Each structure stands twice: as C-alpha cells, then as structure tokens.
Amino acid sequence: MFDISKYLEKFTIMSQSRHYLRDSVAEAIKNVCKIEIDPKTIEIKEGIVRINTKPIIKSEVFLKKNKIIGYLNSEKKIKIHDIL
C-alpha cells in the first residue's frame, strides 16, 4: 500500500531547505555588510540570489557580493554563483 506520509515528507524537507537557504543568505549579508534584511525578500533559484529590497541596500550588497559569496561557500557550504 502507498504510504502518503513518506510522500509528503519530501515536500516538508524541500520547504525547510528553502527557508534555510534564505536565512543563511540573510545571515551572510548581516555578517559582511552589517545590514539586516528580511529573509522573505530573498529569492534563490539555480544558485542565483535575487534581493527584492530598497536600491541602496542592493547597492551595498552588490559592492560586497564577492565577500558574501565567499562566506556562503566556505562557512555554510552553500553554492551561490551570483547575487542580483
């Protein structure tokens, strides 16, 4: 018989990993740029981070994006290719 709980568990794990990625990026921005942003404004798709916030915050993040990407790759073991 098909066990629905095991099937639904897959979606729970995917949802948790998405939240973990967004929280990790927000934490990296906080550590590197000293700016707190809401994780809900972060979208991650195929290793590319998009931040939907004020332009001044985007500019600050863009200036330090290499440090943020390095932090995520070394500290959190998250593969991020670019920040937009």
C-alpha atoms as a PDB file:
ATOM      1  CA  MET A   1       0.000   0.000   0.000  1.00  0.00           C
ATOM      2  CA  PHE A   2       1.158   3.533  -0.758  1.00  0.00           C
ATOM      3  CA  ASP A   3       2.317   5.450   2.320  1.00  0.00           C
ATOM      4  CA  ILE A   4       1.256   9.070   1.873  1.00  0.00           C
ATOM      5  CA  SER A   5       3.240  10.327   4.868  1.00  0.00           C
ATOM      6  CA  LYS A   6       6.545   9.364   3.243  1.00  0.00           C
ATOM      7  CA  TYR A   7       5.478  11.112   0.051  1.00  0.00           C
ATOM      8  CA  LEU A   8       4.521  14.321   1.868  1.00  0.00           C
ATOM      9  CA  GLU A   9       7.755  14.254   3.892  1.00  0.00           C
ATOM     10  CA  LYS A  10       9.646  15.088   0.695  1.00  0.00           C
ATOM     11  CA  PHE A  11       7.811  18.409   0.409  1.00  0.00           C
ATOM     12  CA  THR A  12       8.476  19.270   4.046  1.00  0.00           C
ATOM     13  CA  ILE A  13      12.202  18.736   3.545  1.00  0.00           C
ATOM     14  CA  MET A  14      12.224  20.898   0.416  1.00  0.00           C
ATOM     15  CA  SER A  15      10.388  23.689   2.225  1.00  0.00           C
ATOM     16  CA  GLN A  16      12.802  23.593   5.145  1.00  0.00           C
ATOM     17  CA  SER A  17      15.822  23.697   2.863  1.00  0.00           C
ATOM     18  CA  ARG A  18      14.427  26.751   1.052  1.00  0.00           C
ATOM     19  CA  HIS A  19      13.985  28.557   4.357  1.00  0.00           C
ATOM     20  CA  TYR A  20      17.471  27.503   5.451  1.00  0.00           C
ATOM     21  CA  LEU A  21      18.990  28.953   2.265  1.00  0.00           C
ATOM     22  CA  ARG A  22      17.157  32.260   2.619  1.00  0.00           C
ATOM     23  CA  ASP A  23      18.085  32.542   6.298  1.00  0.00           C
ATOM     24  CA  SER A  24      21.718  31.712   5.520  1.00  0.00           C
ATOM     25  CA  VAL A  25      21.936  34.414   2.842  1.00  0.00           C
ATOM     26  CA  ALA A  26      20.339  36.958   5.207  1.00  0.00           C
ATOM     27  CA  GLU A  27      22.838  35.977   7.905  1.00  0.00           C
ATOM     28  CA  ALA A  28      25.761  36.317   5.489  1.00  0.00           C
ATOM     29  CA  ILE A  29      24.603  39.805   4.468  1.00  0.00           C
ATOM     30  CA  LYS A  30      24.282  40.737   8.128  1.00  0.00           C
ATOM     31  CA  ASN A  31      27.793  39.493   8.930  1.00  0.00           C
ATOM     32  CA  VAL A  32      29.531  41.025   5.908  1.00  0.00           C
ATOM     33  CA  CYS A  33      27.572  44.241   5.279  1.00  0.00           C
ATOM     34  CA  LYS A  34      26.200  44.871   8.780  1.00  0.00           C
ATOM     35  CA  ILE A  35      22.711  45.217   7.254  1.00  0.00           C
ATOM     36  CA  GLU A  36      19.694  43.249   8.421  1.00  0.00           C
ATOM     37  CA  ILE A  37      17.256  42.253   5.703  1.00  0.00           C
ATOM     38  CA  ASP A  38      14.105  40.192   5.844  1.00  0.00           C
ATOM     39  CA  PRO A  39      14.664  36.649   4.518  1.00  0.00           C
ATOM     40  CA  LYS A  40      11.296  36.906   2.751  1.00  0.00           C
ATOM     41  CA  THR A  41      12.836  39.447   0.353  1.00  0.00           C
ATOM     42  CA  ILE A  42      15.400  36.879  -0.821  1.00  0.00           C
ATOM     43  CA  GLU A  43      14.738  34.548  -3.737  1.00  0.00           C
ATOM     44  CA  ILE A  44      17.208  31.788  -4.678  1.00  0.00           C
ATOM     45  CA  LYS A  45      16.970  29.908  -7.946  1.00  0.00           C
ATOM     46  CA  GLU A  46      19.682  27.807  -9.608  1.00  0.00           C
ATOM     47  CA  GLY A  47      22.457  29.288  -7.468  1.00  0.00           C
ATOM     48  CA  ILE A  48      21.495  32.901  -8.168  1.00  0.00           C
ATOM     49  CA  VAL A  49      20.268  35.125  -5.353  1.00  0.00           C
ATOM     50  CA  ARG A  50      17.803  37.925  -6.069  1.00  0.00           C
ATOM     51  CA  ILE A  51      17.100  40.504  -3.397  1.00  0.00           C
ATOM     52  CA  ASN A  52      13.871  42.491  -3.604  1.00  0.00           C
ATOM     53  CA  THR A  53      14.525  45.462  -1.350  1.00  0.00           C
ATOM     54  CA  LYS A  54      15.493  49.129  -1.450  1.00  0.00           C
ATOM     55  CA  PRO A  55      18.067  50.127  -4.080  1.00  0.00           C
ATOM     56  CA  ILE A  56      20.524  51.485  -1.503  1.00  0.00           C
ATOM     57  CA  ILE A  57      20.638  48.111   0.245  1.00  0.00           C
ATOM     58  CA  LYS A  58      21.035  46.323  -3.088  1.00  0.00           C
ATOM     59  CA  SER A  59      23.970  48.602  -3.928  1.00  0.00           C
ATOM     60  CA  GLU A  60      25.717  47.850  -0.647  1.00  0.00           C
ATOM     61  CA  VAL A  61      25.204  44.109  -1.136  1.00  0.00           C
ATOM     62  CA  PHE A  62      26.432  44.339  -4.735  1.00  0.00           C
ATOM     63  CA  LEU A  63      29.630  46.099  -3.632  1.00  0.00           C
ATOM     64  CA  LYS A  64      30.421  43.276  -1.213  1.00  0.00           C
ATOM     65  CA  LYS A  65      28.935  40.374  -3.145  1.00  0.00           C
ATOM     66  CA  ASN A  66      32.280  38.554  -3.553  1.00  0.00           C
ATOM     67  CA  LYS A  67      32.761  38.524   0.221  1.00  0.00           C
ATOM     68  CA  ILE A  68      29.172  37.349   0.744  1.00  0.00           C
ATOM     69  CA  ILE A  69      29.540  34.556  -1.818  1.00  0.00           C
ATOM     70  CA  GLY A  70      32.859  33.539  -0.256  1.00  0.00           C
ATOM     71  CA  TYR A  71      31.287  33.466   3.196  1.00  0.00           C
ATOM     72  CA  LEU A  72      28.419  31.280   1.984  1.00  0.00           C
ATOM     73  CA  ASN A  73      30.745  28.898   0.150  1.00  0.00           C
ATOM     74  CA  SER A  74      33.234  28.499   2.988  1.00  0.00           C
ATOM     75  CA  GLU A  75      31.173  28.834   6.178  1.00  0.00           C
ATOM     76  CA  LYS A  76      27.774  27.458   5.166  1.00  0.00           C
ATOM     77  CA  LYS A  77      28.849  25.156   2.297  1.00  0.00           C
ATOM     78  CA  ILE A  78      26.195  26.706   0.038  1.00  0.00           C
ATOM     79  CA  LYS A  79      26.965  27.054  -3.650  1.00  0.00           C
ATOM     80  CA  ILE A  80      25.920  30.520  -4.799  1.00  0.00           C
ATOM     81  CA  HIS A  81      27.110  31.768  -8.210  1.00  0.00           C
ATOM     82  CA  ASP A  82      25.848  35.352  -8.274  1.00  0.00           C
ATOM     83  CA  ILE A  83      23.829  37.943  -6.385  1.00  0.00           C
ATOM     84  CA  LEU A  84      21.479  40.241  -8.264  1.00  0.00           C
END
